Amino acid sequence: MSKSEREIKRKLRVFRYTEKVGDISTACRHFGISRQSFYNWKHRLEPTGLYRRTNGSWRGQRRLFLSGGSPSAPPAA
Protein backbone atom coordinates (compact mmCIF):
# COMPACT_ATOMS: atom_id res chain seq x y z
CA MET A 1 0.00 0.00 0.00
CA SER A 2 1.46 3.35 -1.00
CA LYS A 3 1.69 6.39 1.25
CA SER A 4 -1.12 8.20 -0.59
CA GLU A 5 -3.43 5.17 -0.21
CA ARG A 6 -2.75 5.12 3.53
CA GLU A 7 -3.51 8.84 3.77
CA ILE A 8 -6.80 8.44 1.92
CA LYS A 9 -7.83 5.54 4.16
CA ARG A 10 -6.96 7.59 7.24
CA LYS A 11 -9.08 10.49 6.01
CA LEU A 12 -11.98 8.16 5.32
CA ARG A 13 -11.68 6.77 8.86
CA VAL A 14 -11.83 10.33 10.20
CA PHE A 15 -14.97 11.11 8.15
CA ARG A 16 -16.69 7.88 9.18
CA TYR A 17 -15.89 8.46 12.83
CA THR A 18 -17.18 12.03 12.57
CA GLU A 19 -20.48 10.75 11.16
CA LYS A 20 -20.66 8.16 13.94
CA VAL A 21 -20.05 10.63 16.81
CA GLY A 22 -21.77 13.57 15.17
CA ASP A 23 -19.20 16.08 16.43
CA ILE A 24 -16.25 17.36 14.39
CA SER A 25 -14.28 18.67 17.37
CA THR A 26 -14.47 15.32 19.17
CA ALA A 27 -13.39 13.43 16.05
CA CYS A 28 -10.46 15.80 15.46
CA ARG A 29 -9.27 15.38 19.06
CA HIS A 30 -9.62 11.60 18.76
CA PHE A 31 -7.42 11.47 15.64
CA GLY A 32 -5.06 14.27 16.68
CA ILE A 33 -5.78 16.59 13.75
CA SER A 34 -6.83 20.21 13.64
CA ARG A 35 -10.35 21.24 12.69
CA GLN A 36 -8.81 23.29 9.88
CA SER A 37 -7.26 20.10 8.44
CA PHE A 38 -10.64 18.39 8.67
CA TYR A 39 -12.35 21.21 6.79
CA ASN A 40 -9.56 21.30 4.19
CA TRP A 41 -10.03 17.58 3.57
CA LYS A 42 -13.80 17.97 3.47
CA HIS A 43 -13.50 20.80 0.95
CA ARG A 44 -11.42 18.58 -1.34
CA LEU A 45 -14.14 15.95 -1.57
CA GLU A 46 -16.24 15.80 -4.68
CA PRO A 47 -19.99 15.13 -4.47
CA THR A 48 -19.24 11.54 -5.53
CA GLY A 49 -17.12 11.04 -2.42
CA LEU A 50 -13.85 10.66 -4.30
CA TYR A 51 -10.86 12.89 -3.76
CA ARG A 52 -10.08 15.32 -6.56
CA ARG A 53 -6.43 15.29 -5.62
CA THR A 54 -4.68 11.94 -5.47
CA ASN A 55 -1.11 12.84 -6.36
CA GLY A 56 -0.67 15.66 -3.83
CA SER A 57 -0.73 18.42 -6.42
CA TRP A 58 -3.25 21.20 -6.89
CA ARG A 59 -1.24 22.68 -9.75
CA GLY A 60 -3.55 24.34 -12.25
CA GLN A 61 -6.69 23.78 -10.18
CA ARG A 62 -6.91 27.42 -9.07
CA ARG A 63 -6.53 28.65 -12.62
CA LEU A 64 -9.27 26.30 -13.80
CA PHE A 65 -11.53 27.41 -10.96
CA LEU A 66 -10.99 31.11 -11.66
CA SER A 67 -11.51 30.68 -15.40
CA GLY A 68 -14.68 28.66 -14.86
CA GLY A 69 -13.22 25.67 -16.70
CA SER A 70 -13.18 22.03 -15.74
CA PRO A 71 -10.21 19.67 -15.41
CA SER A 72 -11.27 17.79 -18.54
CA ALA A 73 -11.64 20.96 -20.64
CA PRO A 74 -8.62 22.55 -22.32
CA PRO A 75 -7.41 25.77 -20.64
CA ALA A 76 -8.90 29.02 -21.91
CA ALA A 77 -6.64 31.00 -24.21
PDB file of N, CA and C in Angstrom:
ATOM      1  N   MET A   1       0.851  -1.169   0.000  1.00  0.00           N
ATOM      2  CA  MET A   1       0.000   0.000   0.000  1.00  0.00           C
ATOM      3  C   MET A   1       0.900   1.236   0.000  1.00  0.00           C
ATOM      4  N   SER A   2       0.641   2.145  -0.893  1.00  0.00           N
ATOM      5  CA  SER A   2       1.456   3.350  -1.000  1.00  0.00           C
ATOM      6  C   SER A   2       1.083   4.359   0.086  1.00  0.00           C
ATOM      7  N   LYS A   3       1.920   5.352   0.236  1.00  0.00           N
ATOM      8  CA  LYS A   3       1.686   6.387   1.250  1.00  0.00           C
ATOM      9  C   LYS A   3       0.377   7.129   0.989  1.00  0.00           C
ATOM     10  N   SER A   4       0.110   7.461  -0.273  1.00  0.00           N
ATOM     11  CA  SER A   4      -1.122   8.198  -0.592  1.00  0.00           C
ATOM     12  C   SER A   4      -2.369   7.355  -0.303  1.00  0.00           C
ATOM     13  N   GLU A   5      -2.284   6.041  -0.529  1.00  0.00           N
ATOM     14  CA  GLU A   5      -3.428   5.173  -0.209  1.00  0.00           C
ATOM     15  C   GLU A   5      -3.680   5.137   1.294  1.00  0.00           C
ATOM     16  N   ARG A   6      -2.601   5.102   2.075  1.00  0.00           N
ATOM     17  CA  ARG A   6      -2.751   5.124   3.535  1.00  0.00           C
ATOM     18  C   ARG A   6      -3.378   6.427   4.000  1.00  0.00           C
ATOM     19  N   GLU A   7      -2.947   7.540   3.399  1.00  0.00           N
ATOM     20  CA  GLU A   7      -3.506   8.843   3.770  1.00  0.00           C
ATOM     21  C   GLU A   7      -4.991   8.919   3.456  1.00  0.00           C
ATOM     22  N   ILE A   8      -5.390   8.412   2.310  1.00  0.00           N
ATOM     23  CA  ILE A   8      -6.801   8.436   1.920  1.00  0.00           C
ATOM     24  C   ILE A   8      -7.616   7.578   2.878  1.00  0.00           C
ATOM     25  N   LYS A   9      -7.101   6.396   3.224  1.00  0.00           N
ATOM     26  CA  LYS A   9      -7.826   5.537   4.159  1.00  0.00           C
ATOM     27  C   LYS A   9      -7.945   6.199   5.527  1.00  0.00           C
ATOM     28  N   ARG A  10      -6.894   6.887   5.958  1.00  0.00           N
ATOM     29  CA  ARG A  10      -6.959   7.591   7.242  1.00  0.00           C
ATOM     30  C   ARG A  10      -8.038   8.676   7.215  1.00  0.00           C
ATOM     31  N   LYS A  11      -8.078   9.431   6.132  1.00  0.00           N
ATOM     32  CA  LYS A  11      -9.077  10.493   6.011  1.00  0.00           C
ATOM     33  C   LYS A  11     -10.487   9.909   6.009  1.00  0.00           C
ATOM     34  N   LEU A  12     -10.668   8.795   5.332  1.00  0.00           N
ATOM     35  CA  LEU A  12     -11.979   8.160   5.322  1.00  0.00           C
ATOM     36  C   LEU A  12     -12.374   7.683   6.717  1.00  0.00           C
ATOM     37  N   ARG A  13     -11.388   7.167   7.483  1.00  0.00           N
ATOM     38  CA  ARG A  13     -11.675   6.769   8.863  1.00  0.00           C
ATOM     39  C   ARG A  13     -12.123   7.969   9.690  1.00  0.00           C
ATOM     40  N   VAL A  14     -11.464   9.110   9.475  1.00  0.00           N
ATOM     41  CA  VAL A  14     -11.832  10.328  10.204  1.00  0.00           C
ATOM     42  C   VAL A  14     -13.261  10.729   9.858  1.00  0.00           C
ATOM     43  N   PHE A  15     -13.621  10.713   8.573  1.00  0.00           N
ATOM     44  CA  PHE A  15     -14.966  11.110   8.153  1.00  0.00           C
ATOM     45  C   PHE A  15     -16.022  10.140   8.688  1.00  0.00           C
ATOM     46  N   ARG A  16     -15.726   8.846   8.658  1.00  0.00           N
ATOM     47  CA  ARG A  16     -16.690   7.876   9.177  1.00  0.00           C
ATOM     48  C   ARG A  16     -16.885   8.042  10.681  1.00  0.00           C
ATOM     49  N   TYR A  17     -15.795   8.265  11.387  1.00  0.00           N
ATOM     50  CA  TYR A  17     -15.890   8.457  12.829  1.00  0.00           C
ATOM     51  C   TYR A  17     -16.681   9.725  13.150  1.00  0.00           C
ATOM     52  N   THR A  18     -16.459  10.775  12.361  1.00  0.00           N
ATOM     53  CA  THR A  18     -17.185  12.027  12.565  1.00  0.00           C
ATOM     54  C   THR A  18     -18.683  11.810  12.384  1.00  0.00           C
ATOM     55  N   GLU A  19     -19.064  11.055  11.368  1.00  0.00           N
ATOM     56  CA  GLU A  19     -20.484  10.751  11.164  1.00  0.00           C
ATOM     57  C   GLU A  19     -21.040   9.937  12.336  1.00  0.00           C
ATOM     58  N   LYS A  20     -20.221   9.015  12.842  1.00  0.00           N
ATOM     59  CA  LYS A  20     -20.661   8.159  13.944  1.00  0.00           C
ATOM     60  C   LYS A  20     -20.891   8.972  15.223  1.00  0.00           C
ATOM     61  N   VAL A  21     -19.932   9.856  15.563  1.00  0.00           N
ATOM     62  CA  VAL A  21     -20.048  10.630  16.806  1.00  0.00           C
ATOM     63  C   VAL A  21     -20.925  11.851  16.628  1.00  0.00           C
ATOM     64  N   GLY A  22     -20.947  12.405  15.427  1.00  0.00           N
ATOM     65  CA  GLY A  22     -21.772  13.572  15.173  1.00  0.00           C
ATOM     66  C   GLY A  22     -21.154  14.887  15.620  1.00  0.00           C
ATOM     67  N   ASP A  23     -19.862  14.876  15.957  1.00  0.00           N
ATOM     68  CA  ASP A  23     -19.200  16.084  16.427  1.00  0.00           C
ATOM     69  C   ASP A  23     -17.791  16.161  15.833  1.00  0.00           C
ATOM     70  N   ILE A  24     -17.538  17.205  15.068  1.00  0.00           N
ATOM     71  CA  ILE A  24     -16.247  17.357  14.386  1.00  0.00           C
ATOM     72  C   ILE A  24     -15.112  17.568  15.378  1.00  0.00           C
ATOM     73  N   SER A  25     -15.335  18.392  16.397  1.00  0.00           N
ATOM     74  CA  SER A  25     -14.282  18.666  17.374  1.00  0.00           C
ATOM     75  C   SER A  25     -13.831  17.395  18.091  1.00  0.00           C
ATOM     76  N   THR A  26     -14.792  16.572  18.487  1.00  0.00           N
ATOM     77  CA  THR A  26     -14.466  15.321  19.167  1.00  0.00           C
ATOM     78  C   THR A  26     -13.666  14.396  18.258  1.00  0.00           C
ATOM     79  N   ALA A  27     -14.085  14.288  17.007  1.00  0.00           N
ATOM     80  CA  ALA A  27     -13.386  13.433  16.049  1.00  0.00           C
ATOM     81  C   ALA A  27     -11.959  13.928  15.809  1.00  0.00           C
ATOM     82  N   CYS A  28     -11.798  15.235  15.694  1.00  0.00           N
ATOM     83  CA  CYS A  28     -10.463  15.795  15.464  1.00  0.00           C
ATOM     84  C   CYS A  28      -9.544  15.535  16.653  1.00  0.00           C
ATOM     85  N   ARG A  29     -10.071  15.682  17.860  1.00  0.00           N
ATOM     86  CA  ARG A  29      -9.272  15.379  19.057  1.00  0.00           C
ATOM     87  C   ARG A  29      -8.905  13.901  19.100  1.00  0.00           C
ATOM     88  N   HIS A  30      -9.856  13.047  18.734  1.00  0.00           N
ATOM     89  CA  HIS A  30      -9.622  11.598  18.755  1.00  0.00           C
ATOM     90  C   HIS A  30      -8.481  11.207  17.814  1.00  0.00           C
ATOM     91  N   PHE A  31      -8.435  11.817  16.634  1.00  0.00           N
ATOM     92  CA  PHE A  31      -7.417  11.471  15.638  1.00  0.00           C
ATOM     93  C   PHE A  31      -6.181  12.372  15.697  1.00  0.00           C
ATOM     94  N   GLY A  32      -6.222  13.396  16.535  1.00  0.00           N
ATOM     95  CA  GLY A  32      -5.058  14.271  16.682  1.00  0.00           C
ATOM     96  C   GLY A  32      -4.825  15.177  15.491  1.00  0.00           C
ATOM     97  N   ILE A  33      -5.900  15.657  14.877  1.00  0.00           N
ATOM     98  CA  ILE A  33      -5.775  16.589  13.750  1.00  0.00           C
ATOM     99  C   ILE A  33      -6.492  17.886  14.104  1.00  0.00           C
ATOM    100  N   SER A  34      -6.165  18.936  13.397  1.00  0.00           N
ATOM    101  CA  SER A  34      -6.832  20.215  13.639  1.00  0.00           C
ATOM    102  C   SER A  34      -8.166  20.238  12.898  1.00  0.00           C
ATOM    103  N   ARG A  35      -9.069  21.084  13.388  1.00  0.00           N
ATOM    104  CA  ARG A  35     -10.346  21.242  12.692  1.00  0.00           C
ATOM    105  C   ARG A  35     -10.120  21.837  11.311  1.00  0.00           C
ATOM    106  N   GLN A  36      -9.112  22.700  11.185  1.00  0.00           N
ATOM    107  CA  GLN A  36      -8.811  23.290   9.875  1.00  0.00           C
ATOM    108  C   GLN A  36      -8.413  22.196   8.882  1.00  0.00           C
ATOM    109  N   SER A  37      -7.616  21.219   9.318  1.00  0.00           N
ATOM    110  CA  SER A  37      -7.260  20.101   8.438  1.00  0.00           C
ATOM    111  C   SER A  37      -8.506  19.341   8.018  1.00  0.00           C
ATOM    112  N   PHE A  38      -9.397  19.099   8.977  1.00  0.00           N
ATOM    113  CA  PHE A  38     -10.639  18.393   8.667  1.00  0.00           C
ATOM    114  C   PHE A  38     -11.422  19.130   7.584  1.00  0.00           C
ATOM    115  N   TYR A  39     -11.583  20.434   7.768  1.00  0.00           N
ATOM    116  CA  TYR A  39     -12.347  21.210   6.791  1.00  0.00           C
ATOM    117  C   TYR A  39     -11.632  21.294   5.444  1.00  0.00           C
ATOM    118  N   ASN A  40     -10.301  21.332   5.453  1.00  0.00           N
ATOM    119  CA  ASN A  40      -9.556  21.301   4.187  1.00  0.00           C
ATOM    120  C   ASN A  40      -9.817  19.992   3.454  1.00  0.00           C
ATOM    121  N   TRP A  41      -9.760  18.881   4.189  1.00  0.00           N
ATOM    122  CA  TRP A  41     -10.029  17.578   3.573  1.00  0.00           C
ATOM    123  C   TRP A  41     -11.453  17.523   3.056  1.00  0.00           C
ATOM    124  N   LYS A  42     -12.389  17.997   3.854  1.00  0.00           N
ATOM    125  CA  LYS A  42     -13.801  17.968   3.467  1.00  0.00           C
ATOM    126  C   LYS A  42     -14.036  18.794   2.201  1.00  0.00           C
ATOM    127  N   HIS A  43     -13.365  19.937   2.116  1.00  0.00           N
ATOM    128  CA  HIS A  43     -13.502  20.804   0.946  1.00  0.00           C
ATOM    129  C   HIS A  43     -12.999  20.122  -0.320  1.00  0.00           C
ATOM    130  N   ARG A  44     -12.009  19.255  -0.171  1.00  0.00           N
ATOM    131  CA  ARG A  44     -11.420  18.585  -1.338  1.00  0.00           C
ATOM    132  C   ARG A  44     -12.243  17.407  -1.840  1.00  0.00           C
ATOM    133  N   LEU A  45     -13.284  17.062  -1.131  1.00  0.00           N
ATOM    134  CA  LEU A  45     -14.139  15.951  -1.568  1.00  0.00           C
ATOM    135  C   LEU A  45     -15.063  16.395  -2.688  1.00  0.00           C
ATOM    136  N   GLU A  46     -15.255  15.545  -3.635  1.00  0.00           N
ATOM    137  CA  GLU A  46     -16.245  15.796  -4.683  1.00  0.00           C
ATOM    138  C   GLU A  46     -17.587  15.265  -4.202  1.00  0.00           C
ATOM    139  N   PRO A  47     -18.678  15.669  -4.838  1.00  0.00           N
ATOM    140  CA  PRO A  47     -19.991  15.135  -4.470  1.00  0.00           C
ATOM    141  C   PRO A  47     -20.063  13.611  -4.559  1.00  0.00           C
ATOM    142  N   THR A  48     -19.221  12.995  -5.384  1.00  0.00           N
ATOM    143  CA  THR A  48     -19.236  11.536  -5.526  1.00  0.00           C
ATOM    144  C   THR A  48     -18.543  10.854  -4.367  1.00  0.00           C
ATOM    145  N   GLY A  49     -17.831  11.630  -3.549  1.00  0.00           N
ATOM    146  CA  GLY A  49     -17.122  11.043  -2.418  1.00  0.00           C
ATOM    147  C   GLY A  49     -15.685  10.683  -2.731  1.00  0.00           C
ATOM    148  N   LEU A  50     -15.226  10.954  -3.932  1.00  0.00           N
ATOM    149  CA  LEU A  50     -13.850  10.659  -4.303  1.00  0.00           C
ATOM    150  C   LEU A  50     -13.005  11.909  -4.160  1.00  0.00           C
ATOM    151  N   TYR A  51     -11.747  11.749  -3.881  1.00  0.00           N
ATOM    152  CA  TYR A  51     -10.858  12.891  -3.761  1.00  0.00           C
ATOM    153  C   TYR A  51     -10.474  13.408  -5.146  1.00  0.00           C
ATOM    154  N   ARG A  52     -10.514  14.719  -5.296  1.00  0.00           N
ATOM    155  CA  ARG A  52     -10.084  15.319  -6.559  1.00  0.00           C
ATOM    156  C   ARG A  52      -8.584  15.201  -6.707  1.00  0.00           C
ATOM    157  N   ARG A  53      -7.882  15.253  -5.597  1.00  0.00           N
ATOM    158  CA  ARG A  53      -6.427  15.288  -5.623  1.00  0.00           C
ATOM    159  C   ARG A  53      -5.905  13.967  -5.094  1.00  0.00           C
ATOM    160  N   THR A  54      -5.228  13.203  -5.938  1.00  0.00           N
ATOM    161  CA  THR A  54      -4.679  11.936  -5.471  1.00  0.00           C
ATOM    162  C   THR A  54      -3.161  11.961  -5.487  1.00  0.00           C
ATOM    163  N   ASN A  55      -2.564  12.835  -6.266  1.00  0.00           N
ATOM    164  CA  ASN A  55      -1.109  12.837  -6.360  1.00  0.00           C
ATOM    165  C   ASN A  55      -0.468  13.942  -5.531  1.00  0.00           C
ATOM    166  N   GLY A  56      -1.229  14.639  -4.702  1.00  0.00           N
ATOM    167  CA  GLY A  56      -0.671  15.659  -3.834  1.00  0.00           C
ATOM    168  C   GLY A  56      -0.485  17.010  -4.498  1.00  0.00           C
ATOM    169  N   SER A  57      -0.954  17.169  -5.720  1.00  0.00           N
ATOM    170  CA  SER A  57      -0.729  18.419  -6.420  1.00  0.00           C
ATOM    171  C   SER A  57      -2.045  19.108  -6.766  1.00  0.00           C
ATOM    172  N   TRP A  58      -2.102  20.391  -6.500  1.00  0.00           N
ATOM    173  CA  TRP A  58      -3.251  21.203  -6.895  1.00  0.00           C
ATOM    174  C   TRP A  58      -2.882  22.089  -8.070  1.00  0.00           C
ATOM    175  N   ARG A  59      -1.743  21.836  -8.685  1.00  0.00           N
ATOM    176  CA  ARG A  59      -1.240  22.685  -9.748  1.00  0.00           C
ATOM    177  C   ARG A  59      -2.282  22.830 -10.859  1.00  0.00           C
ATOM    178  N   GLY A  60      -2.597  24.057 -11.184  1.00  0.00           N
ATOM    179  CA  GLY A  60      -3.546  24.336 -12.251  1.00  0.00           C
ATOM    180  C   GLY A  60      -4.995  24.362 -11.802  1.00  0.00           C
ATOM    181  N   GLN A  61      -5.300  23.829 -10.633  1.00  0.00           N
ATOM    182  CA  GLN A  61      -6.691  23.782 -10.182  1.00  0.00           C
ATOM    183  C   GLN A  61      -7.244  25.186  -9.948  1.00  0.00           C
ATOM    184  N   ARG A  62      -6.445  26.063  -9.336  1.00  0.00           N
ATOM    185  CA  ARG A  62      -6.913  27.421  -9.067  1.00  0.00           C
ATOM    186  C   ARG A  62      -7.196  28.156 -10.376  1.00  0.00           C
ATOM    187  N   ARG A  63      -6.320  27.996 -11.334  1.00  0.00           N
ATOM    188  CA  ARG A  63      -6.526  28.652 -12.624  1.00  0.00           C
ATOM    189  C   ARG A  63      -7.814  28.153 -13.273  1.00  0.00           C
ATOM    190  N   LEU A  64      -8.053  26.849 -13.218  1.00  0.00           N
ATOM    191  CA  LEU A  64      -9.271  26.299 -13.799  1.00  0.00           C
ATOM    192  C   LEU A  64     -10.501  26.826 -13.068  1.00  0.00           C
ATOM    193  N   PHE A  65     -10.409  26.914 -11.737  1.00  0.00           N
ATOM    194  CA  PHE A  65     -11.526  27.413 -10.957  1.00  0.00           C
ATOM    195  C   PHE A  65     -11.826  28.866 -11.312  1.00  0.00           C
ATOM    196  N   LEU A  66     -10.789  29.686 -11.386  1.00  0.00           N
ATOM    197  CA  LEU A  66     -10.987  31.106 -11.659  1.00  0.00           C
ATOM    198  C   LEU A  66     -11.479  31.355 -13.079  1.00  0.00           C
ATOM    199  N   SER A  67     -11.075  30.488 -14.018  1.00  0.00           N
ATOM    200  CA  SER A  67     -11.508  30.678 -15.400  1.00  0.00           C
ATOM    201  C   SER A  67     -12.879  30.054 -15.666  1.00  0.00           C
ATOM    202  N   GLY A  68     -13.380  29.288 -14.684  1.00  0.00           N
ATOM    203  CA  GLY A  68     -14.683  28.657 -14.859  1.00  0.00           C
ATOM    204  C   GLY A  68     -14.595  27.395 -15.683  1.00  0.00           C
ATOM    205  N   GLY A  69     -13.392  26.886 -15.905  1.00  0.00           N
ATOM    206  CA  GLY A  69     -13.218  25.669 -16.696  1.00  0.00           C
ATOM    207  C   GLY A  69     -13.352  24.425 -15.843  1.00  0.00           C
ATOM    208  N   SER A  70     -13.171  23.308 -16.457  1.00  0.00           N
ATOM    209  CA  SER A  70     -13.182  22.032 -15.739  1.00  0.00           C
ATOM    210  C   SER A  70     -11.878  21.319 -16.046  1.00  0.00           C
ATOM    211  N   PRO A  71     -11.461  20.371 -15.192  1.00  0.00           N
ATOM    212  CA  PRO A  71     -10.206  19.670 -15.411  1.00  0.00           C
ATOM    213  C   PRO A  71     -10.145  18.937 -16.742  1.00  0.00           C
ATOM    214  N   SER A  72     -11.280  18.521 -17.282  1.00  0.00           N
ATOM    215  CA  SER A  72     -11.273  17.791 -18.544  1.00  0.00           C
ATOM    216  C   SER A  72     -11.262  18.737 -19.753  1.00  0.00           C
ATOM    217  N   ALA A  73     -11.603  19.996 -19.541  1.00  0.00           N
ATOM    218  CA  ALA A  73     -11.641  20.957 -20.645  1.00  0.00           C
ATOM    219  C   ALA A  73     -10.260  21.567 -20.836  1.00  0.00           C
ATOM    220  N   PRO A  74      -9.902  21.893 -22.090  1.00  0.00           N
ATOM    221  CA  PRO A  74      -8.620  22.546 -22.324  1.00  0.00           C
ATOM    222  C   PRO A  74      -8.623  23.950 -21.706  1.00  0.00           C
ATOM    223  N   PRO A  75      -7.462  24.438 -21.253  1.00  0.00           N
ATOM    224  CA  PRO A  75      -7.408  25.768 -20.643  1.00  0.00           C
ATOM    225  C   PRO A  75      -7.830  26.864 -21.620  1.00  0.00           C
ATOM    226  N   ALA A  76      -8.471  27.898 -21.079  1.00  0.00           N
ATOM    227  CA  ALA A  76      -8.899  29.022 -21.908  1.00  0.00           C
ATOM    228  C   ALA A  76      -7.679  29.789 -22.403  1.00  0.00           C
ATOM    229  N   ALA A  77      -7.773  30.292 -23.617  1.00  0.00           N
ATOM    230  CA  ALA A  77      -6.639  31.002 -24.212  1.00  0.00           C
ATOM    231  C   ALA A  77      -6.611  32.449 -23.804  1.00  0.00           C
TER     232      ALA A  77
END
